N, C-alpha and C. Protein backbone atom coordinates (compact mmCIF):
# COMPACT_ATOMS: atom_id res chain seq x y z
N UNK A 1 0.61 -1.03 -0.11
CA UNK A 1 0.07 -0.13 0.01
C UNK A 1 0.81 1.19 -0.04
N UNK A 2 0.85 2.41 -0.93
CA UNK A 2 1.39 3.31 -1.03
C UNK A 2 0.70 4.69 -0.22
N UNK A 3 -0.19 4.53 0.22
CA UNK A 3 -0.54 5.60 1.33
C UNK A 3 -0.29 5.71 2.68
N UNK A 4 0.13 7.05 2.86
CA UNK A 4 0.28 7.31 4.37
C UNK A 4 -0.74 6.99 5.56
N UNK A 5 -0.38 6.66 6.46
CA UNK A 5 -1.47 6.57 7.32
C UNK A 5 -2.42 7.79 7.57
N UNK A 6 -1.66 8.95 7.30
CA UNK A 6 -2.46 10.06 7.64
C UNK A 6 -3.65 9.99 6.40
N UNK A 7 -3.20 9.57 5.07
CA UNK A 7 -4.19 9.62 3.81
C UNK A 7 -5.00 8.41 4.44
N UNK A 8 -4.75 7.15 4.78
CA UNK A 8 -5.72 6.38 5.08
C UNK A 8 -6.80 6.78 6.26
N UNK A 9 -6.39 7.16 7.03
CA UNK A 9 -7.06 8.25 8.17
C UNK A 9 -7.98 8.86 7.62
N UNK A 10 -7.96 9.76 7.03
CA UNK A 10 -8.48 10.99 6.03
C UNK A 10 -9.72 10.13 5.18
N UNK A 11 -9.16 9.15 4.69
CA UNK A 11 -10.07 8.61 3.77
C UNK A 11 -10.98 7.56 4.55
N UNK A 12 -10.78 7.12 5.49
CA UNK A 12 -11.59 6.25 6.31
C UNK A 12 -12.59 7.12 7.05
N UNK A 13 -12.12 8.22 7.55
CA UNK A 13 -13.01 9.32 8.22
C UNK A 13 -14.24 9.95 7.19
N UNK A 14 -13.85 9.87 5.78
CA UNK A 14 -14.45 10.24 4.94
C UNK A 14 -15.83 9.58 4.80
N UNK A 15 -15.63 8.47 4.51
CA UNK A 15 -16.29 6.94 4.33
C UNK A 15 -16.76 6.43 5.52
N UNK A 16 -16.73 6.80 6.59
CA UNK A 16 -17.19 6.20 7.56
C UNK A 16 -18.42 6.16 7.85
N UNK A 17 -19.24 7.43 7.80
CA UNK A 17 -20.66 7.46 7.81
C UNK A 17 -21.28 6.64 6.89
N UNK A 18 -20.84 6.10 5.87
CA UNK A 18 -21.52 5.26 4.78
C UNK A 18 -21.40 3.68 5.40
N UNK A 19 -20.30 3.43 5.99
CA UNK A 19 -20.18 2.32 6.37
C UNK A 19 -20.74 2.44 8.08
N UNK A 20 -20.98 3.21 8.56
CA UNK A 20 -21.76 3.52 9.66
C UNK A 20 -23.19 3.01 9.87
N UNK A 21 -23.84 3.05 8.56
CA UNK A 21 -25.29 2.86 8.65
C UNK A 21 -25.50 1.44 9.07
N UNK A 22 -25.04 0.29 8.68
CA UNK A 22 -25.20 -1.06 8.82
C UNK A 22 -25.25 -1.06 10.57
N UNK A 23 -24.12 -0.42 11.04
CA UNK A 23 -24.05 -0.65 12.47
C UNK A 23 -24.95 -0.23 13.24
N UNK A 24 -25.19 1.14 12.87
CA UNK A 24 -26.32 2.15 13.41
C UNK A 24 -27.66 1.39 13.26
N UNK A 25 -27.73 0.40 12.19
CA UNK A 25 -29.17 -0.48 12.13
C UNK A 25 -29.16 -1.17 13.14
N UNK A 26 -28.40 -1.42 13.88
CA UNK A 26 -28.02 -2.45 14.90
C UNK A 26 -28.06 -1.90 16.50
N UNK A 27 -28.22 -0.54 16.23
CA UNK A 27 -27.96 0.03 17.50
C UNK A 27 -26.34 0.73 17.93
N UNK A 28 -25.56 0.44 16.97
CA UNK A 28 -24.18 0.50 17.58
C UNK A 28 -23.25 1.86 16.59
N UNK A 29 -22.39 1.96 17.03
CA UNK A 29 -21.67 2.71 16.00
C UNK A 29 -19.98 2.57 15.84
N UNK A 30 -19.52 3.10 14.97
CA UNK A 30 -17.93 2.69 14.77
C UNK A 30 -17.14 4.17 15.17
N UNK A 31 -16.00 3.99 15.83
CA UNK A 31 -15.40 5.02 16.38
C UNK A 31 -13.87 4.96 15.68
N UNK A 32 -13.87 5.52 15.07
CA UNK A 32 -12.54 5.53 14.24
C UNK A 32 -11.01 6.19 15.30
N UNK A 33 -10.29 4.92 15.73
CA UNK A 33 -9.10 5.32 16.54
C UNK A 33 -8.11 5.87 16.20
N UNK A 34 -7.47 5.22 15.01
CA UNK A 34 -5.97 5.39 14.45
C UNK A 34 -5.83 4.44 13.35
N UNK A 35 -4.46 4.60 12.84
CA UNK A 35 -4.22 4.14 11.71
C UNK A 35 -2.53 3.77 12.04
N UNK A 36 -1.82 2.48 11.76
CA UNK A 36 -0.75 2.28 11.96
C UNK A 36 -0.13 1.34 10.81
N UNK A 37 0.76 1.92 9.98
CA UNK A 37 1.31 0.90 9.10
C UNK A 37 -0.06 0.49 8.32
N UNK A 38 -0.85 1.16 7.84
CA UNK A 38 -1.93 0.86 7.12
C UNK A 38 -3.29 0.01 7.76
N UNK A 39 -3.00 -0.44 8.81
CA UNK A 39 -4.12 -1.00 9.57
C UNK A 39 -4.96 -0.01 10.29
N UNK A 40 -6.30 -0.24 10.06
CA UNK A 40 -7.23 0.74 10.75
C UNK A 40 -7.63 0.09 11.84
N UNK A 41 -7.70 0.96 13.18
CA UNK A 41 -8.22 0.81 14.33
C UNK A 41 -9.58 1.14 14.83
N UNK A 42 -10.61 0.47 14.89
CA UNK A 42 -11.72 1.25 15.28
C UNK A 42 -12.44 0.52 16.45
N UNK A 43 -13.24 1.04 17.27
CA UNK A 43 -13.71 0.48 18.00
C UNK A 43 -15.63 0.76 17.81
N UNK A 44 -16.01 -0.84 18.02
CA UNK A 44 -17.39 -0.92 18.00
C UNK A 44 -18.25 -0.31 19.24
N UNK A 45 -19.03 0.96 19.06
CA UNK A 45 -19.57 1.31 20.57
C UNK A 45 -21.28 1.05 20.33
N UNK A 46 -21.90 1.34 21.52
CA UNK A 46 -23.58 0.95 21.62
C UNK A 46 -23.39 -0.46 21.91
N UNK A 47 -24.53 -1.10 20.94
CA UNK A 47 -24.90 -2.26 21.35
C UNK A 47 -23.94 -3.15 20.61
N UNK A 48 -23.14 -2.77 19.61
CA UNK A 48 -22.29 -3.41 18.85
C UNK A 48 -20.80 -3.89 19.78
N UNK A 49 -20.66 -3.04 20.83
CA UNK A 49 -19.69 -3.44 21.72
C UNK A 49 -19.57 -4.78 22.58
N UNK A 50 -18.75 -5.61 22.57
CA UNK A 50 -18.91 -6.46 23.09
C UNK A 50 -19.65 -7.79 22.56
N UNK A 51 -20.35 -7.56 21.62
CA UNK A 51 -21.48 -8.31 20.54
C UNK A 51 -20.32 -9.64 20.33
N UNK A 52 -21.25 -10.76 20.29
CA UNK A 52 -20.62 -11.98 19.89
C UNK A 52 -20.40 -11.73 18.11
N UNK A 53 -21.01 -10.96 17.74
CA UNK A 53 -21.04 -10.73 15.98
C UNK A 53 -19.79 -9.64 15.43
N UNK A 54 -19.26 -8.96 16.81
CA UNK A 54 -18.49 -8.00 16.48
C UNK A 54 -17.34 -8.39 15.27
N UNK A 55 -16.62 -9.29 15.53
CA UNK A 55 -15.57 -9.69 14.45
C UNK A 55 -16.15 -10.10 13.20
N UNK A 56 -17.31 -10.48 12.89
CA UNK A 56 -18.06 -10.61 11.72
C UNK A 56 -18.33 -9.61 11.26
N UNK A 57 -18.73 -8.60 11.63
CA UNK A 57 -19.28 -7.17 11.63
C UNK A 57 -18.02 -6.46 11.15
N UNK A 58 -16.83 -6.52 11.88
CA UNK A 58 -15.63 -5.75 11.49
C UNK A 58 -15.03 -6.43 10.24
N UNK A 59 -14.96 -7.61 9.88
CA UNK A 59 -14.07 -8.15 8.78
C UNK A 59 -15.42 -8.09 7.52
N UNK A 60 -16.60 -8.59 7.76
CA UNK A 60 -17.24 -8.71 6.62
C UNK A 60 -18.59 -7.56 6.50
N UNK A 61 -18.50 -6.35 7.18
CA UNK A 61 -18.94 -5.16 7.07
C UNK A 61 -18.14 -4.17 6.73
N UNK A 62 -17.58 -3.72 7.95
CA UNK A 62 -16.60 -2.73 7.68
C UNK A 62 -15.34 -2.86 6.94
N UNK A 63 -14.43 -4.06 6.94
CA UNK A 63 -13.19 -4.00 6.32
C UNK A 63 -13.76 -4.10 4.99
N UNK A 64 -14.78 -4.85 4.66
CA UNK A 64 -15.22 -5.23 3.40
C UNK A 64 -15.64 -3.95 2.63
N UNK A 65 -16.36 -3.01 3.14
CA UNK A 65 -16.60 -1.60 2.50
C UNK A 65 -15.61 -0.86 2.32
N UNK A 66 -14.60 -0.50 3.37
CA UNK A 66 -13.42 0.14 3.22
C UNK A 66 -12.44 -0.13 2.25
N UNK A 67 -12.53 -1.66 2.21
CA UNK A 67 -11.66 -1.86 0.96
C UNK A 67 -12.37 -1.61 -0.54
N UNK A 68 -13.59 -1.76 -0.63
CA UNK A 68 -14.06 -1.53 -1.95
C UNK A 68 -14.11 0.23 -2.19
N UNK A 69 -13.91 0.99 -1.00
CA UNK A 69 -14.07 2.54 -1.11
C UNK A 69 -12.60 2.73 -0.99
N UNK A 70 -11.76 2.28 -0.62
CA UNK A 70 -10.14 2.89 -0.33
C UNK A 70 -9.31 1.97 -1.11
N UNK A 71 -8.98 0.87 -0.35
CA UNK A 71 -8.03 -0.05 -1.19
C UNK A 71 -8.22 -1.45 -0.55
N UNK A 72 -8.20 -2.41 -1.77
CA UNK A 72 -8.45 -3.86 -1.52
C UNK A 72 -7.48 -4.27 -0.41
N UNK A 73 -6.38 -3.97 0.31
CA UNK A 73 -5.57 -4.62 1.16
C UNK A 73 -5.75 -4.03 2.51
N UNK A 74 -6.54 -2.97 2.31
CA UNK A 74 -6.92 -2.34 3.94
C UNK A 74 -7.35 -3.59 4.96
N UNK A 75 -6.68 -3.32 5.73
CA UNK A 75 -7.06 -4.28 7.27
C UNK A 75 -7.56 -3.34 8.21
N UNK A 76 -8.55 -4.05 8.89
CA UNK A 76 -9.52 -3.13 10.03
C UNK A 76 -9.20 -4.23 11.22
N UNK A 77 -9.10 -3.38 12.60
CA UNK A 77 -9.13 -4.46 13.77
C UNK A 77 -10.23 -3.35 14.46
N UNK A 78 -10.94 -4.13 15.14
CA UNK A 78 -11.78 -3.86 16.03
C UNK A 78 -11.06 -4.08 17.78
N UNK A 79 -10.90 -2.79 18.11
CA UNK A 79 -10.02 -2.94 19.29
C UNK A 79 -10.85 -2.90 20.91
N UNK A 80 -11.50 -4.32 21.06
CA UNK A 80 -12.07 -4.88 21.71
C UNK A 80 -11.72 -5.44 23.14
N UNK A 81 -10.55 -4.82 23.69
CA UNK A 81 -10.02 -5.23 24.90
C UNK A 81 -9.27 -7.11 24.96
N UNK A 82 -9.19 -7.47 23.84
CA UNK A 82 -8.72 -8.88 23.90
C UNK A 82 -7.10 -8.79 23.23
N UNK A 83 -6.06 -9.50 24.01
CA UNK A 83 -5.01 -9.23 23.51
C UNK A 83 -4.52 -8.92 22.43
N UNK A 84 -4.92 -9.74 21.32
CA UNK A 84 -5.01 -9.92 20.07
C UNK A 84 -5.09 -8.46 19.26
N UNK A 85 -6.86 -7.96 20.11
CA UNK A 85 -6.91 -6.76 19.17
C UNK A 85 -6.79 -5.43 19.85
N UNK A 86 -5.40 -5.10 20.13
CA UNK A 86 -5.19 -4.06 20.91
C UNK A 86 -4.79 -2.94 20.08
N UNK A 87 -4.73 -1.57 20.50
CA UNK A 87 -3.85 -0.20 19.58
C UNK A 87 -2.73 -0.41 20.30
N UNK A 88 -1.81 -0.03 19.06
CA UNK A 88 -0.50 -0.09 18.78
C UNK A 88 -0.26 0.95 20.09
N UNK A 89 0.95 1.12 20.47
CA UNK A 89 1.74 2.27 21.24
C UNK A 89 1.70 3.26 20.61
N UNK A 90 2.11 3.36 19.41
CA UNK A 90 2.17 4.64 18.42
C UNK A 90 1.28 4.32 17.28
N UNK A 91 0.64 5.57 16.94
CA UNK A 91 -0.52 5.43 15.65
C UNK A 91 -0.70 6.84 15.34
N UNK A 92 -1.26 6.73 13.98
CA UNK A 92 -1.70 8.09 13.28
C UNK A 92 -2.97 8.22 13.81
N UNK A 93 -3.51 9.62 14.47
CA UNK A 93 -4.93 10.01 14.76
C UNK A 93 -4.83 11.53 14.39
N UNK A 94 -5.77 12.25 14.30
CA UNK A 94 -6.03 13.47 14.16
C UNK A 94 -6.29 14.32 15.54
N UNK A 95 -5.20 14.64 16.31
CA UNK A 95 -5.79 15.48 17.45
C UNK A 95 -6.78 16.49 17.34
N UNK A 96 -6.90 17.10 16.35
CA UNK A 96 -8.26 17.79 16.25
C UNK A 96 -9.73 17.63 16.12
N UNK A 97 -9.79 15.99 15.95
CA UNK A 97 -11.03 15.26 15.70
C UNK A 97 -11.61 15.68 16.96
N UNK A 98 -13.06 15.69 17.36
CA UNK A 98 -13.61 15.39 18.52
C UNK A 98 -14.52 14.22 18.52
N UNK A 99 -14.88 13.98 19.61
CA UNK A 99 -15.40 12.41 19.51
C UNK A 99 -16.47 12.29 18.60
N UNK A 100 -17.49 13.83 18.56
CA UNK A 100 -18.47 13.75 17.61
C UNK A 100 -18.05 13.54 16.09
N UNK A 101 -16.91 14.20 15.80
CA UNK A 101 -16.40 14.11 14.25
C UNK A 101 -15.95 12.82 13.79
N UNK A 102 -15.39 11.89 14.97
CA UNK A 102 -14.85 10.63 14.74
C UNK A 102 -16.29 9.88 14.76
N UNK A 103 -17.11 9.65 15.24
CA UNK A 103 -17.94 8.72 15.50
C UNK A 103 -19.52 9.60 15.76
N UNK A 104 -20.36 8.84 14.91
CA UNK A 104 -21.71 9.70 15.01
C UNK A 104 -22.35 8.96 16.37
N UNK A 105 -23.18 9.63 16.87
CA UNK A 105 -23.85 9.09 18.18
C UNK A 105 -24.62 7.83 17.64
N UNK A 106 -24.48 7.04 18.32
CA UNK A 106 -25.44 5.40 17.93
C UNK A 106 -26.76 5.45 18.32
N UNK A 107 -27.66 5.14 17.67
CA UNK A 107 -29.16 4.98 17.62
C UNK A 107 -29.23 4.65 19.22
N UNK A 108 -28.41 3.42 19.68
CA UNK A 108 -28.84 3.15 21.09
C UNK A 108 -28.74 4.52 22.04
N UNK A 109 -27.77 5.06 21.62
CA UNK A 109 -27.41 6.24 22.84
C UNK A 109 -28.32 7.35 22.70
N UNK A 110 -28.92 7.35 21.30
CA UNK A 110 -29.90 8.48 20.93
C UNK A 110 -31.48 8.06 21.87
N UNK A 111 -31.97 6.49 21.51
CA UNK A 111 -32.67 6.19 22.50
C UNK A 111 -32.50 6.34 23.87
N UNK A 112 -31.52 6.11 24.15
CA UNK A 112 -30.99 5.88 25.66
C UNK A 112 -31.48 7.50 26.59
N UNK A 113 -31.00 8.31 25.49
CA UNK A 113 -30.76 9.81 25.98
C UNK A 113 -32.36 10.08 26.16
N UNK A 114 -33.06 9.66 25.28
CA UNK A 114 -34.56 10.07 25.44
C UNK A 114 -35.19 9.65 26.62
N UNK A 115 -35.09 8.40 27.01
CA UNK A 115 -35.42 7.73 28.39
C UNK A 115 -34.60 8.39 29.50
N UNK A 116 -33.29 8.59 29.65
CA UNK A 116 -32.93 9.32 30.54
C UNK A 116 -33.33 10.54 30.74
N UNK A 117 -33.51 11.24 29.79
CA UNK A 117 -33.91 12.73 30.18
C UNK A 117 -35.80 12.73 30.24
N UNK A 118 -36.14 11.71 29.88
CA UNK A 118 -37.84 11.77 30.42
C UNK A 118 -37.85 11.31 31.93
N UNK A 119 -36.83 10.50 32.39
CA UNK A 119 -36.97 10.07 33.69
C UNK A 119 -36.46 11.10 34.80
N UNK A 120 -35.77 12.09 34.24
CA UNK A 120 -35.37 13.26 35.15
C UNK A 120 -36.61 14.50 35.55
């Protein structure tokens, strides 16, 4: 792959809303954490965080779509707390990105917000 980690990060950030549609339909969201040596590190949030199907979602939905949109050799890792899926010590991320710019609020968080506000 001949792209810099910054180039890949920006491309993923640009295409993430389209990829996020499927995950949102299941009450989750994708948070872009960073890129290291062409590997994209994400976190599945909302109801997708810790889901038994999260590996399948990462590889068959997120990675597949990003490969179609950006580069066929792109690798996506869901940082889920397991030893084999951790964020490297150093990686590229845009320090100017806010949490809201990196990941859309998940549908689950929106619904939860309605009920929490209503209970107050």
